[in-house]
Amino acid sequence: MARRGTRAPEYLLLSSFALNAVDTQGSTLIFEMRNQRSEDLLISYSDVDSGDHSSAAELRTFGQMLIVATVGSPDATLNGWALVHSNPAIQPPPKDNYLTSPVGSIVPFTVHYELRDDTWDANAFSRSLRYSSHGEFRFNEFSSVPEPSSCILLVVAAIHLMSDVRRFRS
């Protein structure tokens, strides 16, 4: 959440996303969104707390982002995935605070939106929306993305195994 007097992080702003498609399932609206920021940047921050501790990270959008709302309701939830792109050291140890998920991992995130003086409908993104928002990244629920070199090793191992099976059958 943004501190008093600061601008909200970009990942909380609907203006950071563009609408790809809308799907209606009964009274449920599903808005498929895409990140409009360069290199799918979701959030980038550097926080040095008067030298007592420091933290820095860059997260990028990974995969599909969906906003789910109910027709006539002011509330909606965006669910998506973020790639932990960087989490560098800023100060000498032990003053750095690191994310609990490693660089290269994928973490889920959720943003809750509440429209002010409006409700969700299939045409919501065709007009200006006033809203409040808050979100969270769940760094303890990460999954790893295999490195390209490990994928290559798996392919080589599979080819080797298949050739052994063919030799055995002959």
N, C-alpha and C. Protein backbone atom coordinates (compact mmCIF):
# COMPACT_ATOMS: atom_id res chain seq x y z
N MET A 1 0.84 -1.17 0.00
CA MET A 1 0.00 0.00 0.00
C MET A 1 0.89 1.24 0.00
N ALA A 2 0.38 2.29 -0.59
CA ALA A 2 1.13 3.53 -0.67
C ALA A 2 1.16 4.22 0.69
N ARG A 3 2.29 4.85 0.98
CA ARG A 3 2.37 5.63 2.21
C ARG A 3 1.68 6.97 1.98
N ARG A 4 1.29 7.62 3.05
CA ARG A 4 0.63 8.92 2.95
C ARG A 4 1.56 9.88 2.20
N GLY A 5 0.99 10.58 1.23
CA GLY A 5 1.77 11.57 0.50
C GLY A 5 2.55 11.00 -0.68
N THR A 6 2.49 9.70 -0.90
CA THR A 6 3.19 9.11 -2.04
C THR A 6 2.17 8.60 -3.05
N ARG A 7 2.63 8.39 -4.24
CA ARG A 7 1.77 7.88 -5.30
C ARG A 7 1.61 6.37 -5.14
N ALA A 8 0.44 5.86 -5.49
CA ALA A 8 0.19 4.42 -5.37
C ALA A 8 1.12 3.66 -6.31
N PRO A 9 1.58 2.47 -5.91
CA PRO A 9 2.40 1.66 -6.81
C PRO A 9 1.64 1.37 -8.11
N GLU A 10 2.37 1.32 -9.22
CA GLU A 10 1.77 1.14 -10.54
C GLU A 10 0.87 -0.10 -10.62
N TYR A 11 1.24 -1.19 -9.93
CA TYR A 11 0.45 -2.41 -10.07
C TYR A 11 -0.96 -2.26 -9.50
N LEU A 12 -1.19 -1.21 -8.70
CA LEU A 12 -2.53 -0.98 -8.15
C LEU A 12 -3.41 -0.15 -9.09
N LEU A 13 -2.80 0.47 -10.11
CA LEU A 13 -3.52 1.39 -10.97
C LEU A 13 -4.09 0.70 -12.20
N LEU A 14 -5.38 0.85 -12.42
CA LEU A 14 -6.01 0.27 -13.61
C LEU A 14 -5.42 0.85 -14.88
N SER A 15 -4.91 2.09 -14.83
CA SER A 15 -4.34 2.71 -16.02
C SER A 15 -3.06 2.01 -16.49
N SER A 16 -2.48 1.16 -15.65
CA SER A 16 -1.30 0.39 -16.05
C SER A 16 -1.66 -0.80 -16.93
N PHE A 17 -2.96 -1.11 -17.01
CA PHE A 17 -3.42 -2.28 -17.75
C PHE A 17 -4.35 -1.89 -18.88
N ALA A 18 -4.37 -2.71 -19.92
CA ALA A 18 -5.30 -2.52 -21.03
C ALA A 18 -6.21 -3.73 -21.10
N LEU A 19 -7.42 -3.50 -21.52
CA LEU A 19 -8.41 -4.57 -21.63
C LEU A 19 -8.18 -5.36 -22.91
N ASN A 20 -8.02 -6.68 -22.78
CA ASN A 20 -7.92 -7.58 -23.94
C ASN A 20 -9.28 -8.10 -24.35
N ALA A 21 -10.05 -8.57 -23.37
CA ALA A 21 -11.34 -9.20 -23.67
C ALA A 21 -12.22 -9.18 -22.42
N VAL A 22 -13.53 -9.29 -22.65
CA VAL A 22 -14.50 -9.40 -21.57
C VAL A 22 -15.30 -10.66 -21.80
N ASP A 23 -15.47 -11.44 -20.74
CA ASP A 23 -16.29 -12.64 -20.80
C ASP A 23 -17.36 -12.52 -19.72
N THR A 24 -18.60 -12.84 -20.07
CA THR A 24 -19.69 -12.80 -19.11
C THR A 24 -20.18 -14.22 -18.89
N GLN A 25 -20.20 -14.63 -17.62
CA GLN A 25 -20.72 -15.94 -17.24
C GLN A 25 -21.79 -15.72 -16.19
N GLY A 26 -23.04 -15.61 -16.66
CA GLY A 26 -24.14 -15.27 -15.75
C GLY A 26 -23.95 -13.85 -15.29
N SER A 27 -23.91 -13.64 -13.99
CA SER A 27 -23.70 -12.29 -13.46
C SER A 27 -22.22 -12.00 -13.17
N THR A 28 -21.35 -12.95 -13.54
CA THR A 28 -19.91 -12.77 -13.32
C THR A 28 -19.25 -12.20 -14.57
N LEU A 29 -18.46 -11.15 -14.37
CA LEU A 29 -17.69 -10.53 -15.44
C LEU A 29 -16.23 -10.92 -15.28
N ILE A 30 -15.60 -11.31 -16.37
CA ILE A 30 -14.17 -11.64 -16.34
C ILE A 30 -13.49 -10.76 -17.39
N PHE A 31 -12.66 -9.84 -16.90
CA PHE A 31 -11.92 -8.93 -17.77
C PHE A 31 -10.49 -9.46 -17.90
N GLU A 32 -10.10 -9.82 -19.11
CA GLU A 32 -8.72 -10.25 -19.34
C GLU A 32 -7.89 -9.01 -19.63
N MET A 33 -6.85 -8.80 -18.83
CA MET A 33 -6.05 -7.58 -18.91
C MET A 33 -4.64 -7.88 -19.39
N ARG A 34 -3.97 -6.85 -19.90
CA ARG A 34 -2.55 -6.97 -20.24
C ARG A 34 -1.82 -5.75 -19.69
N ASN A 35 -0.58 -5.94 -19.34
CA ASN A 35 0.25 -4.88 -18.80
C ASN A 35 0.67 -3.97 -19.95
N GLN A 36 0.52 -2.66 -19.77
CA GLN A 36 0.90 -1.70 -20.81
C GLN A 36 2.29 -1.13 -20.58
N ARG A 37 2.90 -1.44 -19.46
CA ARG A 37 4.20 -0.84 -19.15
C ARG A 37 5.32 -1.57 -19.87
N SER A 38 6.39 -0.87 -20.11
CA SER A 38 7.55 -1.39 -20.82
C SER A 38 8.09 -2.65 -20.14
N GLU A 39 8.41 -3.64 -20.95
CA GLU A 39 8.98 -4.92 -20.49
C GLU A 39 8.12 -5.61 -19.44
N ASP A 40 6.81 -5.37 -19.48
CA ASP A 40 5.86 -5.97 -18.54
C ASP A 40 6.19 -5.66 -17.08
N LEU A 41 6.85 -4.52 -16.84
CA LEU A 41 7.19 -4.13 -15.48
C LEU A 41 5.92 -3.98 -14.66
N LEU A 42 5.88 -4.64 -13.53
CA LEU A 42 4.73 -4.58 -12.64
C LEU A 42 5.03 -3.62 -11.49
N ILE A 43 6.18 -3.82 -10.87
CA ILE A 43 6.60 -2.93 -9.78
C ILE A 43 8.13 -2.96 -9.68
N SER A 44 8.68 -1.81 -9.42
CA SER A 44 10.12 -1.68 -9.21
C SER A 44 10.29 -0.72 -8.03
N TYR A 45 11.02 -1.15 -7.04
CA TYR A 45 11.18 -0.28 -5.89
C TYR A 45 12.56 -0.43 -5.27
N SER A 46 12.95 0.60 -4.57
CA SER A 46 14.17 0.61 -3.79
C SER A 46 13.83 1.38 -2.52
N ASP A 47 14.04 0.75 -1.37
CA ASP A 47 13.65 1.34 -0.10
C ASP A 47 14.86 1.29 0.84
N VAL A 48 15.38 2.45 1.17
CA VAL A 48 16.47 2.53 2.13
C VAL A 48 15.93 3.31 3.31
N ASP A 49 15.74 2.63 4.42
CA ASP A 49 15.10 3.21 5.60
C ASP A 49 16.14 3.87 6.50
N SER A 50 16.60 5.06 6.13
CA SER A 50 17.58 5.83 6.91
C SER A 50 18.82 5.01 7.27
N GLY A 51 19.16 4.04 6.44
CA GLY A 51 20.34 3.23 6.68
C GLY A 51 20.14 2.06 7.62
N ASP A 52 18.94 1.92 8.22
CA ASP A 52 18.69 0.83 9.15
C ASP A 52 18.46 -0.50 8.43
N HIS A 53 17.85 -0.44 7.27
CA HIS A 53 17.66 -1.64 6.46
C HIS A 53 17.43 -1.18 5.03
N SER A 54 17.50 -2.09 4.11
CA SER A 54 17.22 -1.72 2.72
C SER A 54 16.57 -2.89 2.01
N SER A 55 15.88 -2.56 0.93
CA SER A 55 15.20 -3.58 0.14
C SER A 55 15.01 -3.03 -1.26
N ALA A 56 15.19 -3.88 -2.25
CA ALA A 56 14.95 -3.49 -3.64
C ALA A 56 14.49 -4.71 -4.39
N ALA A 57 13.60 -4.50 -5.34
CA ALA A 57 13.13 -5.61 -6.17
C ALA A 57 12.47 -5.08 -7.42
N GLU A 58 12.41 -5.93 -8.42
CA GLU A 58 11.67 -5.64 -9.64
C GLU A 58 10.85 -6.87 -9.99
N LEU A 59 9.56 -6.66 -10.19
CA LEU A 59 8.64 -7.75 -10.53
C LEU A 59 8.01 -7.43 -11.88
N ARG A 60 7.85 -8.46 -12.70
CA ARG A 60 7.25 -8.31 -14.02
C ARG A 60 6.05 -9.22 -14.17
N THR A 61 5.11 -8.81 -15.01
CA THR A 61 3.91 -9.61 -15.24
C THR A 61 4.30 -10.94 -15.88
N PHE A 62 3.62 -12.00 -15.45
CA PHE A 62 3.88 -13.33 -16.01
C PHE A 62 2.53 -14.00 -16.24
N GLY A 63 2.18 -14.21 -17.50
CA GLY A 63 0.94 -14.90 -17.81
C GLY A 63 -0.28 -14.01 -17.75
N GLN A 64 -1.40 -14.65 -17.63
CA GLN A 64 -2.70 -13.99 -17.71
C GLN A 64 -3.05 -13.24 -16.43
N MET A 65 -3.72 -12.09 -16.61
CA MET A 65 -4.24 -11.32 -15.48
C MET A 65 -5.74 -11.15 -15.70
N LEU A 66 -6.52 -11.54 -14.71
CA LEU A 66 -7.97 -11.49 -14.83
C LEU A 66 -8.57 -10.67 -13.71
N ILE A 67 -9.46 -9.75 -14.08
CA ILE A 67 -10.26 -9.03 -13.09
C ILE A 67 -11.63 -9.69 -13.08
N VAL A 68 -12.06 -10.13 -11.92
CA VAL A 68 -13.37 -10.79 -11.78
C VAL A 68 -14.26 -9.89 -10.94
N ALA A 69 -15.46 -9.62 -11.47
CA ALA A 69 -16.43 -8.76 -10.78
C ALA A 69 -17.82 -9.33 -10.98
N THR A 70 -18.74 -8.88 -10.17
CA THR A 70 -20.15 -9.24 -10.30
C THR A 70 -20.89 -8.02 -10.84
N VAL A 71 -21.72 -8.24 -11.84
CA VAL A 71 -22.51 -7.15 -12.41
C VAL A 71 -23.28 -6.45 -11.29
N GLY A 72 -23.17 -5.12 -11.25
CA GLY A 72 -23.89 -4.34 -10.24
C GLY A 72 -23.15 -4.14 -8.93
N SER A 73 -22.02 -4.79 -8.77
CA SER A 73 -21.24 -4.67 -7.53
C SER A 73 -20.13 -3.62 -7.73
N PRO A 74 -19.74 -2.92 -6.67
CA PRO A 74 -18.61 -1.99 -6.79
C PRO A 74 -17.25 -2.68 -6.62
N ASP A 75 -17.27 -3.96 -6.23
CA ASP A 75 -16.03 -4.67 -5.91
C ASP A 75 -15.57 -5.58 -7.04
N ALA A 76 -14.24 -5.67 -7.20
CA ALA A 76 -13.64 -6.57 -8.19
C ALA A 76 -12.27 -6.99 -7.68
N THR A 77 -11.80 -8.11 -8.19
CA THR A 77 -10.48 -8.63 -7.79
C THR A 77 -9.68 -8.99 -9.03
N LEU A 78 -8.45 -8.49 -9.09
CA LEU A 78 -7.52 -8.86 -10.15
C LEU A 78 -6.60 -9.93 -9.60
N ASN A 79 -6.48 -11.04 -10.31
CA ASN A 79 -5.54 -12.10 -9.94
C ASN A 79 -4.53 -12.26 -11.06
N GLY A 80 -3.28 -12.38 -10.70
CA GLY A 80 -2.23 -12.54 -11.69
C GLY A 80 -0.99 -13.18 -11.09
N TRP A 81 0.02 -13.29 -11.93
CA TRP A 81 1.30 -13.87 -11.52
C TRP A 81 2.41 -12.88 -11.85
N ALA A 82 3.42 -12.83 -11.01
CA ALA A 82 4.55 -11.94 -11.21
C ALA A 82 5.85 -12.74 -11.19
N LEU A 83 6.75 -12.39 -12.09
CA LEU A 83 8.09 -12.97 -12.13
C LEU A 83 9.00 -12.10 -11.28
N VAL A 84 9.69 -12.69 -10.31
CA VAL A 84 10.67 -11.95 -9.52
C VAL A 84 11.90 -11.80 -10.42
N HIS A 85 12.04 -10.61 -11.01
CA HIS A 85 13.09 -10.37 -11.99
C HIS A 85 14.42 -10.00 -11.34
N SER A 86 14.36 -9.24 -10.25
CA SER A 86 15.59 -8.91 -9.52
C SER A 86 15.27 -8.64 -8.06
N ASN A 87 16.26 -8.85 -7.22
CA ASN A 87 16.15 -8.61 -5.78
C ASN A 87 17.58 -8.37 -5.27
N PRO A 88 18.19 -7.25 -5.74
CA PRO A 88 19.62 -7.04 -5.47
C PRO A 88 19.91 -6.54 -4.06
N ALA A 89 21.15 -6.72 -3.68
CA ALA A 89 21.64 -6.16 -2.41
C ALA A 89 21.90 -4.67 -2.63
N ILE A 90 21.59 -3.88 -1.63
CA ILE A 90 21.85 -2.44 -1.70
C ILE A 90 22.94 -2.06 -0.70
N GLN A 91 22.86 -2.65 0.49
CA GLN A 91 23.82 -2.36 1.54
C GLN A 91 24.51 -3.66 1.94
N PRO A 92 25.64 -3.53 2.61
CA PRO A 92 26.31 -4.74 3.10
C PRO A 92 25.43 -5.47 4.10
N PRO A 93 25.52 -6.82 4.16
CA PRO A 93 24.75 -7.59 5.14
C PRO A 93 25.07 -7.10 6.54
N PRO A 94 24.19 -7.21 7.47
CA PRO A 94 22.89 -7.86 7.47
C PRO A 94 21.73 -6.89 7.24
N LYS A 95 22.01 -5.73 6.65
CA LYS A 95 20.98 -4.70 6.56
C LYS A 95 19.99 -4.89 5.42
N ASP A 96 20.26 -5.78 4.48
CA ASP A 96 19.33 -5.99 3.37
C ASP A 96 18.20 -6.93 3.77
N ASN A 97 17.02 -6.61 3.32
CA ASN A 97 15.86 -7.48 3.46
C ASN A 97 15.54 -8.03 2.08
N TYR A 98 15.50 -9.34 1.96
CA TYR A 98 15.24 -9.97 0.67
C TYR A 98 13.84 -10.56 0.64
N LEU A 99 13.31 -10.72 -0.57
CA LEU A 99 12.03 -11.39 -0.73
C LEU A 99 12.18 -12.85 -0.32
N THR A 100 11.11 -13.48 0.12
CA THR A 100 11.19 -14.88 0.52
C THR A 100 11.21 -15.81 -0.70
N SER A 101 10.88 -15.30 -1.87
CA SER A 101 10.94 -16.11 -3.08
C SER A 101 12.16 -15.67 -3.89
N PRO A 102 12.89 -16.62 -4.46
CA PRO A 102 14.13 -16.29 -5.16
C PRO A 102 13.89 -15.63 -6.53
N VAL A 103 14.93 -14.96 -7.01
CA VAL A 103 14.89 -14.39 -8.36
C VAL A 103 14.61 -15.52 -9.35
N GLY A 104 13.72 -15.27 -10.30
CA GLY A 104 13.34 -16.28 -11.28
C GLY A 104 12.08 -17.04 -10.91
N SER A 105 11.59 -16.86 -9.69
CA SER A 105 10.38 -17.56 -9.28
C SER A 105 9.14 -16.76 -9.69
N ILE A 106 8.02 -17.44 -9.70
CA ILE A 106 6.73 -16.86 -10.05
C ILE A 106 5.89 -16.79 -8.79
N VAL A 107 5.33 -15.60 -8.50
CA VAL A 107 4.52 -15.42 -7.29
C VAL A 107 3.13 -14.91 -7.67
N PRO A 108 2.10 -15.39 -6.97
CA PRO A 108 0.76 -14.88 -7.24
C PRO A 108 0.57 -13.50 -6.59
N PHE A 109 -0.26 -12.69 -7.23
CA PHE A 109 -0.63 -11.43 -6.61
C PHE A 109 -2.11 -11.17 -6.83
N THR A 110 -2.67 -10.38 -5.94
CA THR A 110 -4.08 -10.04 -5.97
C THR A 110 -4.23 -8.55 -5.72
N VAL A 111 -5.11 -7.92 -6.48
CA VAL A 111 -5.44 -6.52 -6.24
C VAL A 111 -6.96 -6.43 -6.12
N HIS A 112 -7.43 -5.79 -5.07
CA HIS A 112 -8.87 -5.58 -4.85
C HIS A 112 -9.21 -4.15 -5.23
N TYR A 113 -10.24 -3.99 -6.03
CA TYR A 113 -10.71 -2.67 -6.45
C TYR A 113 -12.11 -2.43 -5.91
N GLU A 114 -12.35 -1.21 -5.47
CA GLU A 114 -13.70 -0.81 -5.07
C GLU A 114 -14.02 0.48 -5.81
N LEU A 115 -15.02 0.40 -6.69
CA LEU A 115 -15.42 1.58 -7.45
C LEU A 115 -16.13 2.56 -6.53
N ARG A 116 -15.92 3.83 -6.81
CA ARG A 116 -16.61 4.89 -6.06
C ARG A 116 -17.73 5.43 -6.95
N ASP A 117 -18.93 5.45 -6.45
CA ASP A 117 -20.08 5.99 -7.17
C ASP A 117 -20.33 5.28 -8.50
N ASP A 118 -20.03 4.00 -8.59
CA ASP A 118 -20.23 3.25 -9.83
C ASP A 118 -20.25 1.76 -9.50
N THR A 119 -20.69 0.96 -10.45
CA THR A 119 -20.67 -0.50 -10.30
C THR A 119 -20.14 -1.10 -11.59
N TRP A 120 -19.72 -2.36 -11.49
CA TRP A 120 -19.14 -3.06 -12.63
C TRP A 120 -20.22 -3.52 -13.61
N ASP A 121 -19.93 -3.36 -14.88
CA ASP A 121 -20.72 -3.94 -15.97
C ASP A 121 -19.76 -4.23 -17.12
N ALA A 122 -20.23 -4.84 -18.17
CA ALA A 122 -19.36 -5.26 -19.28
C ALA A 122 -18.68 -4.08 -19.97
N ASN A 123 -19.23 -2.87 -19.82
CA ASN A 123 -18.66 -1.68 -20.48
C ASN A 123 -17.87 -0.79 -19.52
N ALA A 124 -17.50 -1.31 -18.37
CA ALA A 124 -16.84 -0.50 -17.34
C ALA A 124 -15.58 0.20 -17.85
N PHE A 125 -14.81 -0.44 -18.72
CA PHE A 125 -13.56 0.15 -19.17
C PHE A 125 -13.74 1.14 -20.32
N SER A 126 -14.98 1.37 -20.72
CA SER A 126 -15.24 2.37 -21.76
C SER A 126 -15.49 3.75 -21.14
N ARG A 127 -15.44 3.84 -19.81
CA ARG A 127 -15.65 5.12 -19.13
C ARG A 127 -14.56 5.30 -18.08
N SER A 128 -14.48 6.49 -17.56
CA SER A 128 -13.51 6.79 -16.51
C SER A 128 -14.00 6.18 -15.20
N LEU A 129 -13.11 5.51 -14.49
CA LEU A 129 -13.47 4.86 -13.23
C LEU A 129 -12.73 5.52 -12.07
N ARG A 130 -13.47 5.82 -11.02
CA ARG A 130 -12.86 6.27 -9.76
C ARG A 130 -12.91 5.09 -8.81
N TYR A 131 -11.80 4.80 -8.14
CA TYR A 131 -11.75 3.59 -7.31
C TYR A 131 -10.68 3.71 -6.24
N SER A 132 -10.78 2.85 -5.27
CA SER A 132 -9.71 2.66 -4.30
C SER A 132 -9.20 1.23 -4.52
N SER A 133 -7.96 0.99 -4.14
CA SER A 133 -7.39 -0.34 -4.38
C SER A 133 -6.36 -0.67 -3.31
N HIS A 134 -6.18 -1.95 -3.11
CA HIS A 134 -5.10 -2.46 -2.27
C HIS A 134 -4.75 -3.84 -2.80
N GLY A 135 -3.49 -4.21 -2.64
CA GLY A 135 -3.06 -5.49 -3.19
C GLY A 135 -1.97 -6.14 -2.38
N GLU A 136 -1.66 -7.36 -2.78
CA GLU A 136 -0.61 -8.10 -2.07
C GLU A 136 0.05 -9.09 -3.03
N PHE A 137 1.33 -9.28 -2.80
CA PHE A 137 2.09 -10.33 -3.46
C PHE A 137 2.28 -11.42 -2.41
N ARG A 138 2.07 -12.67 -2.79
CA ARG A 138 2.20 -13.78 -1.85
C ARG A 138 3.53 -14.51 -2.13
N PHE A 139 4.60 -13.93 -1.61
CA PHE A 139 5.95 -14.43 -1.89
C PHE A 139 6.21 -15.82 -1.32
N ASN A 140 5.45 -16.24 -0.32
CA ASN A 140 5.64 -17.57 0.26
C ASN A 140 4.94 -18.65 -0.58
N GLU A 141 4.22 -18.27 -1.63
CA GLU A 141 3.52 -19.24 -2.48
C GLU A 141 4.15 -19.32 -3.86
N PHE A 142 5.46 -19.17 -3.94
CA PHE A 142 6.11 -19.11 -5.24
C PHE A 142 6.29 -20.48 -5.88
N SER A 143 6.43 -20.45 -7.19
CA SER A 143 6.80 -21.65 -7.94
C SER A 143 7.99 -21.26 -8.81
N SER A 144 8.83 -22.22 -9.09
CA SER A 144 10.05 -21.94 -9.85
C SER A 144 9.82 -22.14 -11.33
N VAL A 145 10.54 -21.36 -12.10
CA VAL A 145 10.57 -21.52 -13.55
C VAL A 145 11.88 -22.23 -13.85
N PRO A 146 11.82 -23.36 -14.57
CA PRO A 146 13.08 -24.06 -14.84
C PRO A 146 14.00 -23.21 -15.71
N GLU A 147 15.28 -23.26 -15.40
CA GLU A 147 16.25 -22.54 -16.21
C GLU A 147 16.37 -23.22 -17.56
N PRO A 148 16.67 -22.43 -18.62
CA PRO A 148 16.79 -23.03 -19.96
C PRO A 148 17.78 -24.19 -20.02
N SER A 149 18.88 -24.08 -19.27
CA SER A 149 19.88 -25.15 -19.31
C SER A 149 19.33 -26.45 -18.75
N SER A 150 18.45 -26.38 -17.72
CA SER A 150 17.87 -27.61 -17.18
C SER A 150 16.88 -28.21 -18.16
N CYS A 151 16.18 -27.38 -18.92
CA CYS A 151 15.26 -27.89 -19.96
C CYS A 151 16.04 -28.62 -21.04
N ILE A 152 17.17 -28.04 -21.43
CA ILE A 152 18.02 -28.68 -22.45
C ILE A 152 18.51 -30.03 -21.94
N LEU A 153 18.93 -30.08 -20.69
CA LEU A 153 19.39 -31.35 -20.11
C LEU A 153 18.28 -32.40 -20.11
N LEU A 154 17.06 -32.00 -19.82
CA LEU A 154 15.93 -32.94 -19.84
C LEU A 154 15.70 -33.48 -21.25
N VAL A 155 15.78 -32.62 -22.25
CA VAL A 155 15.60 -33.06 -23.64
C VAL A 155 16.71 -34.03 -24.03
N VAL A 156 17.95 -33.70 -23.70
CA VAL A 156 19.08 -34.58 -24.02
C VAL A 156 18.91 -35.93 -23.33
N ALA A 157 18.50 -35.91 -22.06
CA ALA A 157 18.29 -37.16 -21.32
C ALA A 157 17.17 -37.98 -21.94
N ALA A 158 16.10 -37.33 -22.39
CA ALA A 158 14.98 -38.05 -23.01
C ALA A 158 15.41 -38.69 -24.32
N ILE A 159 16.20 -37.96 -25.11
CA ILE A 159 16.70 -38.51 -26.38
C ILE A 159 17.60 -39.71 -26.10
N HIS A 160 18.46 -39.59 -25.12
CA HIS A 160 19.37 -40.69 -24.76
C HIS A 160 18.57 -41.91 -24.30
N LEU A 161 17.56 -41.69 -23.48
CA LEU A 161 16.71 -42.78 -23.00
C LEU A 161 15.99 -43.48 -24.15
N MET A 162 15.46 -42.68 -25.09
CA MET A 162 14.74 -43.26 -26.23
C MET A 162 15.69 -44.08 -27.10
N SER A 163 16.93 -43.62 -27.27
CA SER A 163 17.87 -44.39 -28.09
C SER A 163 18.27 -45.69 -27.39
N ASP A 164 18.36 -45.66 -26.04
CA ASP A 164 18.64 -46.89 -25.28
C ASP A 164 17.50 -47.89 -25.42
N VAL A 165 16.25 -47.41 -25.39
CA VAL A 165 15.09 -48.29 -25.52
C VAL A 165 15.09 -48.93 -26.91
N ARG A 166 15.40 -48.13 -27.94
CA ARG A 166 15.44 -48.68 -29.31
C ARG A 166 16.53 -49.75 -29.44
N ARG A 167 17.71 -49.50 -28.85
CA ARG A 167 18.80 -50.49 -28.91
C ARG A 167 18.40 -51.77 -28.19
N PHE A 168 17.70 -51.62 -27.05
CA PHE A 168 17.28 -52.77 -26.27
C PHE A 168 16.29 -53.64 -27.06
N ARG A 169 15.37 -52.99 -27.79
CA ARG A 169 14.36 -53.73 -28.56
C ARG A 169 14.98 -54.44 -29.77
N SER A 170 16.06 -53.89 -30.30
CA SER A 170 16.67 -54.49 -31.51
C SER A 170 17.40 -55.78 -31.23
